[in-house]
């Protein structure tokens, strides 16, 4: 189904951030994770998802979160 639209949430999130109603700070691990999970069942949409990532990065350049990976090990793990 190549003409099927992507879920609207990336565009909605980007809009909310650009108008100042939402503060988005995302790590590369988070961005890669949602993309991999989405594409697990929809490999046919790979190029469109990459395009959305570039669009979101250009629209909200300060949303990229870096240098906080060391904090992940301090978070509680509900599985333990």
PDB file of N, CA and C in Angstrom:
ATOM      1  N   UNK A   1       0.812  -1.185   0.000  1.00  0.00           N
ATOM      2  CA  UNK A   1       0.000   0.000   0.000  1.00  0.00           C
ATOM      3  C   UNK A   1       0.865   1.262   0.000  1.00  0.00           C
ATOM      4  N   UNK A   2       1.580   1.534  -1.084  1.00  0.00           N
ATOM      5  CA  UNK A   2       2.502   2.674  -1.105  1.00  0.00           C
ATOM      6  C   UNK A   2       1.841   4.036  -0.981  1.00  0.00           C
ATOM      7  N   UNK A   3       0.575   4.187  -1.307  1.00  0.00           N
ATOM      8  CA  UNK A   3      -0.077   5.489  -1.219  1.00  0.00           C
ATOM      9  C   UNK A   3      -0.769   5.722   0.115  1.00  0.00           C
ATOM     10  N   UNK A   4      -0.638   4.770   1.024  1.00  0.00           N
ATOM     11  CA  UNK A   4      -1.263   4.921   2.336  1.00  0.00           C
ATOM     12  C   UNK A   4      -0.529   5.997   3.129  1.00  0.00           C
ATOM     13  N   UNK A   5      -1.253   6.921   3.758  1.00  0.00           N
ATOM     14  CA  UNK A   5      -0.578   7.996   4.512  1.00  0.00           C
ATOM     15  C   UNK A   5       0.098   7.474   5.766  1.00  0.00           C
ATOM     16  N   UNK A   6       1.150   8.148   6.146  1.00  0.00           N
ATOM     17  CA  UNK A   6       1.810   7.842   7.410  1.00  0.00           C
ATOM     18  C   UNK A   6       0.943   8.354   8.552  1.00  0.00           C
ATOM     19  N   UNK A   7       1.119   7.803   9.745  1.00  0.00           N
ATOM     20  CA  UNK A   7       0.386   8.359  10.889  1.00  0.00           C
ATOM     21  C   UNK A   7       0.689   9.848  11.022  1.00  0.00           C
ATOM     22  N   UNK A   8      -0.280  10.602  11.449  1.00  0.00           N
ATOM     23  CA  UNK A   8      -0.146  12.057  11.517  1.00  0.00           C
ATOM     24  C   UNK A   8       0.685  12.527  12.688  1.00  0.00           C
ATOM     25  N   UNK A   9       0.985  11.662  13.666  1.00  0.00           N
ATOM     26  CA  UNK A   9       1.606  12.183  14.878  1.00  0.00           C
ATOM     27  C   UNK A   9       2.941  12.875  14.677  1.00  0.00           C
ATOM     28  N   UNK A  10       3.836  12.463  13.766  1.00  0.00           N
ATOM     29  CA  UNK A  10       5.072  13.258  13.619  1.00  0.00           C
ATOM     30  C   UNK A  10       4.784  14.696  13.204  1.00  0.00           C
ATOM     31  N   UNK A  11       3.840  14.897  12.301  1.00  0.00           N
ATOM     32  CA  UNK A  11       3.516  16.246  11.865  1.00  0.00           C
ATOM     33  C   UNK A  11       2.837  17.032  12.985  1.00  0.00           C
ATOM     34  N   UNK A  12       1.974  16.377  13.748  1.00  0.00           N
ATOM     35  CA  UNK A  12       1.285  17.058  14.851  1.00  0.00           C
ATOM     36  C   UNK A  12       2.290  17.459  15.922  1.00  0.00           C
ATOM     37  N   UNK A  13       3.186  16.558  16.274  1.00  0.00           N
ATOM     38  CA  UNK A  13       4.206  16.865  17.280  1.00  0.00           C
ATOM     39  C   UNK A  13       5.068  18.023  16.806  1.00  0.00           C
ATOM     40  N   UNK A  14       5.487  17.987  15.553  1.00  0.00           N
ATOM     41  CA  UNK A  14       6.310  19.060  15.007  1.00  0.00           C
ATOM     42  C   UNK A  14       5.570  20.388  15.067  1.00  0.00           C
ATOM     43  N   UNK A  15       4.302  20.391  14.713  1.00  0.00           N
ATOM     44  CA  UNK A  15       3.512  21.626  14.775  1.00  0.00           C
ATOM     45  C   UNK A  15       3.422  22.144  16.208  1.00  0.00           C
ATOM     46  N   UNK A  16       3.123  21.282  17.163  1.00  0.00           N
ATOM     47  CA  UNK A  16       3.006  21.708  18.557  1.00  0.00           C
ATOM     48  C   UNK A  16       4.318  22.273  19.090  1.00  0.00           C
ATOM     49  N   UNK A  17       5.434  21.698  18.668  1.00  0.00           N
ATOM     50  CA  UNK A  17       6.741  22.191  19.111  1.00  0.00           C
ATOM     51  C   UNK A  17       7.049  23.541  18.480  1.00  0.00           C
ATOM     52  N   UNK A  18       6.783  23.680  17.191  1.00  0.00           N
ATOM     53  CA  UNK A  18       7.137  24.932  16.514  1.00  0.00           C
ATOM     54  C   UNK A  18       6.309  26.116  17.000  1.00  0.00           C
ATOM     55  N   UNK A  19       5.089  25.871  17.497  1.00  0.00           N
ATOM     56  CA  UNK A  19       4.276  26.972  18.018  1.00  0.00           C
ATOM     57  C   UNK A  19       4.463  27.148  19.525  1.00  0.00           C
ATOM     58  N   UNK A  20       5.321  26.348  20.128  1.00  0.00           N
ATOM     59  CA  UNK A  20       5.659  26.521  21.537  1.00  0.00           C
ATOM     60  C   UNK A  20       4.722  25.866  22.529  1.00  0.00           C
ATOM     61  N   UNK A  21       3.845  24.978  22.072  1.00  0.00           N
ATOM     62  CA  UNK A  21       2.931  24.300  22.989  1.00  0.00           C
ATOM     63  C   UNK A  21       3.493  22.998  23.547  1.00  0.00           C
ATOM     64  N   UNK A  22       4.597  22.549  22.989  1.00  0.00           N
ATOM     65  CA  UNK A  22       5.212  21.301  23.431  1.00  0.00           C
ATOM     66  C   UNK A  22       6.718  21.464  23.331  1.00  0.00           C
ATOM     67  N   UNK A  23       7.422  21.001  24.328  1.00  0.00           N
ATOM     68  CA  UNK A  23       8.876  20.996  24.284  1.00  0.00           C
ATOM     69  C   UNK A  23       9.353  19.592  23.984  1.00  0.00           C
ATOM     70  N   UNK A  24       9.996  19.396  22.868  1.00  0.00           N
ATOM     71  CA  UNK A  24      10.451  18.062  22.471  1.00  0.00           C
ATOM     72  C   UNK A  24      11.960  17.982  22.556  1.00  0.00           C
ATOM     73  N   UNK A  25      12.434  17.000  23.265  1.00  0.00           N
ATOM     74  CA  UNK A  25      13.859  16.697  23.332  1.00  0.00           C
ATOM     75  C   UNK A  25      13.988  15.195  23.157  1.00  0.00           C
ATOM     76  N   UNK A  26      14.532  14.777  22.032  1.00  0.00           N
ATOM     77  CA  UNK A  26      14.592  13.363  21.698  1.00  0.00           C
ATOM     78  C   UNK A  26      16.020  12.945  21.417  1.00  0.00           C
ATOM     79  N   UNK A  27      16.394  11.793  21.924  1.00  0.00           N
ATOM     80  CA  UNK A  27      17.711  11.239  21.634  1.00  0.00           C
ATOM     81  C   UNK A  27      17.659  10.498  20.306  1.00  0.00           C
ATOM     82  N   UNK A  28      18.829  10.256  19.738  1.00  0.00           N
ATOM     83  CA  UNK A  28      18.886   9.448  18.518  1.00  0.00           C
ATOM     84  C   UNK A  28      18.363   8.045  18.787  1.00  0.00           C
ATOM     85  N   UNK A  29      18.614   7.505  19.976  1.00  0.00           N
ATOM     86  CA  UNK A  29      18.126   6.166  20.315  1.00  0.00           C
ATOM     87  C   UNK A  29      16.597   6.121  20.274  1.00  0.00           C
ATOM     88  N   UNK A  30      15.954   7.165  20.792  1.00  0.00           N
ATOM     89  CA  UNK A  30      14.491   7.220  20.761  1.00  0.00           C
ATOM     90  C   UNK A  30      13.989   7.315  19.324  1.00  0.00           C
ATOM     91  N   UNK A  31      14.587   8.207  18.558  1.00  0.00           N
ATOM     92  CA  UNK A  31      14.167   8.375  17.165  1.00  0.00           C
ATOM     93  C   UNK A  31      14.362   7.089  16.377  1.00  0.00           C
ATOM     94  N   UNK A  32      15.498   6.429  16.578  1.00  0.00           N
ATOM     95  CA  UNK A  32      15.752   5.166  15.885  1.00  0.00           C
ATOM     96  C   UNK A  32      14.781   4.083  16.343  1.00  0.00           C
ATOM     97  N   UNK A  33      14.457   4.091  17.625  1.00  0.00           N
ATOM     98  CA  UNK A  33      13.560   3.070  18.167  1.00  0.00           C
ATOM     99  C   UNK A  33      12.169   3.149  17.586  1.00  0.00           C
ATOM    100  N   UNK A  34      11.587   4.349  17.526  1.00  0.00           N
ATOM    101  CA  UNK A  34      10.232   4.422  16.986  1.00  0.00           C
ATOM    102  C   UNK A  34      10.224   4.078  15.512  1.00  0.00           C
ATOM    103  N   UNK A  35      11.284   4.491  14.816  1.00  0.00           N
ATOM    104  CA  UNK A  35      11.350   4.201  13.378  1.00  0.00           C
ATOM    105  C   UNK A  35      11.465   2.695  13.130  1.00  0.00           C
ATOM    106  N   UNK A  36      12.335   2.027  13.877  1.00  0.00           N
ATOM    107  CA  UNK A  36      12.500   0.577  13.712  1.00  0.00           C
ATOM    108  C   UNK A  36      11.218  -0.172  14.057  1.00  0.00           C
ATOM    109  N   UNK A  37      10.563   0.240  15.138  1.00  0.00           N
ATOM    110  CA  UNK A  37       9.323  -0.428  15.527  1.00  0.00           C
ATOM    111  C   UNK A  37       8.227  -0.223  14.490  1.00  0.00           C
ATOM    112  N   UNK A  38       8.121   0.993  13.968  1.00  0.00           N
ATOM    113  CA  UNK A  38       7.115   1.274  12.946  1.00  0.00           C
ATOM    114  C   UNK A  38       7.391   0.467  11.690  1.00  0.00           C
ATOM    115  N   UNK A  39       8.665   0.440  11.275  1.00  0.00           N
ATOM    116  CA  UNK A  39       9.011  -0.224  10.024  1.00  0.00           C
ATOM    117  C   UNK A  39       9.078  -1.751  10.136  1.00  0.00           C
ATOM    118  N   UNK A  40       9.000  -2.279  11.341  1.00  0.00           N
ATOM    119  CA  UNK A  40       9.038  -3.734  11.502  1.00  0.00           C
ATOM    120  C   UNK A  40       7.943  -4.401  10.672  1.00  0.00           C
ATOM    121  N   UNK A  41       6.801  -3.756  10.587  1.00  0.00           N
ATOM    122  CA  UNK A  41       5.687  -4.309   9.815  1.00  0.00           C
ATOM    123  C   UNK A  41       5.446  -3.585   8.504  1.00  0.00           C
ATOM    124  N   UNK A  42       6.141  -2.476   8.274  1.00  0.00           N
ATOM    125  CA  UNK A  42       5.874  -1.654   7.086  1.00  0.00           C
ATOM    126  C   UNK A  42       7.168  -1.217   6.402  1.00  0.00           C
ATOM    127  N   UNK A  43       7.987  -2.141   5.978  1.00  0.00           N
ATOM    128  CA  UNK A  43       9.243  -1.810   5.295  1.00  0.00           C
ATOM    129  C   UNK A  43       9.004  -0.991   4.032  1.00  0.00           C
ATOM    130  N   UNK A  44       7.817  -1.119   3.442  1.00  0.00           N
ATOM    131  CA  UNK A  44       7.511  -0.393   2.219  1.00  0.00           C
ATOM    132  C   UNK A  44       7.462   1.119   2.433  1.00  0.00           C
ATOM    133  N   UNK A  45       7.385   1.567   3.687  1.00  0.00           N
ATOM    134  CA  UNK A  45       7.314   3.002   3.981  1.00  0.00           C
ATOM    135  C   UNK A  45       8.652   3.586   4.431  1.00  0.00           C
ATOM    136  N   UNK A  46       9.722   2.838   4.271  1.00  0.00           N
ATOM    137  CA  UNK A  46      11.034   3.249   4.773  1.00  0.00           C
ATOM    138  C   UNK A  46      11.467   4.625   4.265  1.00  0.00           C
ATOM    139  N   UNK A  47      11.356   4.875   2.973  1.00  0.00           N
ATOM    140  CA  UNK A  47      11.796   6.156   2.415  1.00  0.00           C
ATOM    141  C   UNK A  47      10.961   7.310   2.968  1.00  0.00           C
ATOM    142  N   UNK A  48       9.669   7.094   3.144  1.00  0.00           N
ATOM    143  CA  UNK A  48       8.804   8.158   3.659  1.00  0.00           C
ATOM    144  C   UNK A  48       9.110   8.457   5.123  1.00  0.00           C
ATOM    145  N   UNK A  49       9.433   7.425   5.893  1.00  0.00           N
ATOM    146  CA  UNK A  49       9.770   7.638   7.309  1.00  0.00           C
ATOM    147  C   UNK A  49      11.083   8.404   7.411  1.00  0.00           C
ATOM    148  N   UNK A  50      12.058   8.085   6.573  1.00  0.00           N
ATOM    149  CA  UNK A  50      13.320   8.842   6.563  1.00  0.00           C
ATOM    150  C   UNK A  50      13.051  10.300   6.225  1.00  0.00           C
ATOM    151  N   UNK A  51      12.148  10.542   5.280  1.00  0.00           N
ATOM    152  CA  UNK A  51      11.799  11.914   4.918  1.00  0.00           C
ATOM    153  C   UNK A  51      11.167  12.660   6.081  1.00  0.00           C
ATOM    154  N   UNK A  52      10.310  11.981   6.831  1.00  0.00           N
ATOM    155  CA  UNK A  52       9.687  12.606   8.002  1.00  0.00           C
ATOM    156  C   UNK A  52      10.732  12.965   9.042  1.00  0.00           C
ATOM    157  N   UNK A  53      11.719  12.106   9.230  1.00  0.00           N
ATOM    158  CA  UNK A  53      12.759  12.384  10.219  1.00  0.00           C
ATOM    159  C   UNK A  53      13.548  13.637   9.825  1.00  0.00           C
ATOM    160  N   UNK A  54      13.876  13.759   8.547  1.00  0.00           N
ATOM    161  CA  UNK A  54      14.593  14.950   8.075  1.00  0.00           C
ATOM    162  C   UNK A  54      13.730  16.197   8.243  1.00  0.00           C
ATOM    163  N   UNK A  55      12.447  16.078   7.937  1.00  0.00           N
ATOM    164  CA  UNK A  55      11.524  17.207   8.087  1.00  0.00           C
ATOM    165  C   UNK A  55      11.449  17.653   9.544  1.00  0.00           C
ATOM    166  N   UNK A  56      11.294  16.694  10.450  1.00  0.00           N
ATOM    167  CA  UNK A  56      11.194  17.033  11.873  1.00  0.00           C
ATOM    168  C   UNK A  56      12.489  17.656  12.370  1.00  0.00           C
ATOM    169  N   UNK A  57      13.632  17.137  11.928  1.00  0.00           N
ATOM    170  CA  UNK A  57      14.920  17.692  12.338  1.00  0.00           C
ATOM    171  C   UNK A  57      15.129  19.107  11.836  1.00  0.00           C
ATOM    172  N   UNK A  58      14.677  19.380  10.621  1.00  0.00           N
ATOM    173  CA  UNK A  58      14.819  20.729  10.068  1.00  0.00           C
ATOM    174  C   UNK A  58      13.849  21.703  10.733  1.00  0.00           C
ATOM    175  N   UNK A  59      12.648  21.224  11.054  1.00  0.00           N
ATOM    176  CA  UNK A  59      11.639  22.103  11.648  1.00  0.00           C
ATOM    177  C   UNK A  59      11.954  22.449  13.094  1.00  0.00           C
ATOM    178  N   UNK A  60      12.578  21.504  13.816  1.00  0.00           N
ATOM    179  CA  UNK A  60      12.858  21.706  15.242  1.00  0.00           C
ATOM    180  C   UNK A  60      14.295  21.269  15.525  1.00  0.00           C
ATOM    181  N   UNK A  61      15.277  22.061  15.082  1.00  0.00           N
ATOM    182  CA  UNK A  61      16.674  21.637  15.207  1.00  0.00           C
ATOM    183  C   UNK A  61      17.161  21.491  16.646  1.00  0.00           C
ATOM    184  N   UNK A  62      16.566  22.202  17.599  1.00  0.00           N
ATOM    185  CA  UNK A  62      17.032  22.090  18.984  1.00  0.00           C
ATOM    186  C   UNK A  62      16.378  20.941  19.745  1.00  0.00           C
ATOM    187  N   UNK A  63      15.620  20.093  19.052  1.00  0.00           N
ATOM    188  CA  UNK A  63      14.961  18.969  19.717  1.00  0.00           C
ATOM    189  C   UNK A  63      15.904  17.793  19.938  1.00  0.00           C
ATOM    190  N   UNK A  64      17.059  17.818  19.294  1.00  0.00           N
ATOM    191  CA  UNK A  64      17.985  16.696  19.430  1.00  0.00           C
ATOM    192  C   UNK A  64      18.695  16.769  20.779  1.00  0.00           C
ATOM    193  N   UNK A  65      18.551  15.720  21.546  1.00  0.00           N
ATOM    194  CA  UNK A  65      19.123  15.649  22.886  1.00  0.00           C
ATOM    195  C   UNK A  65      20.416  14.849  22.838  1.00  0.00           C
ATOM    196  N   UNK A  66      21.501  15.447  23.276  1.00  0.00           N
ATOM    197  CA  UNK A  66      22.813  14.791  23.281  1.00  0.00           C
ATOM    198  C   UNK A  66      23.432  14.868  24.669  1.00  0.00           C
ATOM    199  N   UNK A  67      24.327  13.934  24.951  1.00  0.00           N
ATOM    200  CA  UNK A  67      25.122  13.989  26.164  1.00  0.00           C
ATOM    201  C   UNK A  67      24.425  13.542  27.433  1.00  0.00           C
ATOM    202  N   UNK A  68      23.302  12.883  27.312  1.00  0.00           N
ATOM    203  CA  UNK A  68      22.576  12.450  28.504  1.00  0.00           C
ATOM    204  C   UNK A  68      22.488  10.933  28.622  1.00  0.00           C
ATOM    205  N   UNK A  69      23.201  10.218  27.764  1.00  0.00           N
ATOM    206  CA  UNK A  69      23.151   8.755  27.779  1.00  0.00           C
ATOM    207  C   UNK A  69      23.552   8.143  29.111  1.00  0.00           C
ATOM    208  N   UNK A  70      24.463   8.788  29.823  1.00  0.00           N
ATOM    209  CA  UNK A  70      24.920   8.241  31.102  1.00  0.00           C
ATOM    210  C   UNK A  70      23.789   8.207  32.127  1.00  0.00           C
ATOM    211  N   UNK A  71      22.767   9.036  31.975  1.00  0.00           N
ATOM    212  CA  UNK A  71      21.647   9.050  32.928  1.00  0.00           C
ATOM    213  C   UNK A  71      20.732   7.850  32.777  1.00  0.00           C
ATOM    214  N   UNK A  72      20.745   7.208  31.634  1.00  0.00           N
ATOM    215  CA  UNK A  72      19.837   6.087  31.403  1.00  0.00           C
ATOM    216  C   UNK A  72      20.078   4.972  32.403  1.00  0.00           C
ATOM    217  N   UNK A  73      21.317   4.712  32.754  1.00  0.00           N
ATOM    218  CA  UNK A  73      21.610   3.626  33.694  1.00  0.00           C
ATOM    219  C   UNK A  73      21.139   3.953  35.112  1.00  0.00           C
ATOM    220  N   UNK A  74      20.817   5.204  35.386  1.00  0.00           N
ATOM    221  CA  UNK A  74      20.348   5.578  36.723  1.00  0.00           C
ATOM    222  C   UNK A  74      18.829   5.477  36.860  1.00  0.00           C
ATOM    223  N   UNK A  75      18.139   5.285  35.750  1.00  0.00           N
ATOM    224  CA  UNK A  75      16.682   5.193  35.804  1.00  0.00           C
ATOM    225  C   UNK A  75      16.248   3.834  36.329  1.00  0.00           C
ATOM    226  N   UNK A  76      15.137   3.789  37.058  1.00  0.00           N
ATOM    227  CA  UNK A  76      14.664   2.492  37.550  1.00  0.00           C
ATOM    228  C   UNK A  76      14.195   1.616  36.403  1.00  0.00           C
ATOM    229  N   UNK A  77      14.414   0.331  36.524  1.00  0.00           N
ATOM    230  CA  UNK A  77      13.977  -0.636  35.531  1.00  0.00           C
ATOM    231  C   UNK A  77      12.805  -1.405  36.107  1.00  0.00           C
ATOM    232  N   UNK A  78      11.603  -1.186  35.565  1.00  0.00           N
ATOM    233  CA  UNK A  78      10.430  -1.851  36.121  1.00  0.00           C
ATOM    234  C   UNK A  78      10.507  -3.375  36.037  1.00  0.00           C
ATOM    235  N   UNK A  79      11.386  -3.894  35.172  1.00  0.00           N
ATOM    236  CA  UNK A  79      11.534  -5.338  35.027  1.00  0.00           C
ATOM    237  C   UNK A  79      12.395  -5.968  36.124  1.00  0.00           C
ATOM    238  N   UNK A  80      13.031  -5.161  36.955  1.00  0.00           N
ATOM    239  CA  UNK A  80      13.910  -5.718  37.999  1.00  0.00           C
ATOM    240  C   UNK A  80      13.252  -5.702  39.342  1.00  0.00           C
TER     241      UNK A  80
END
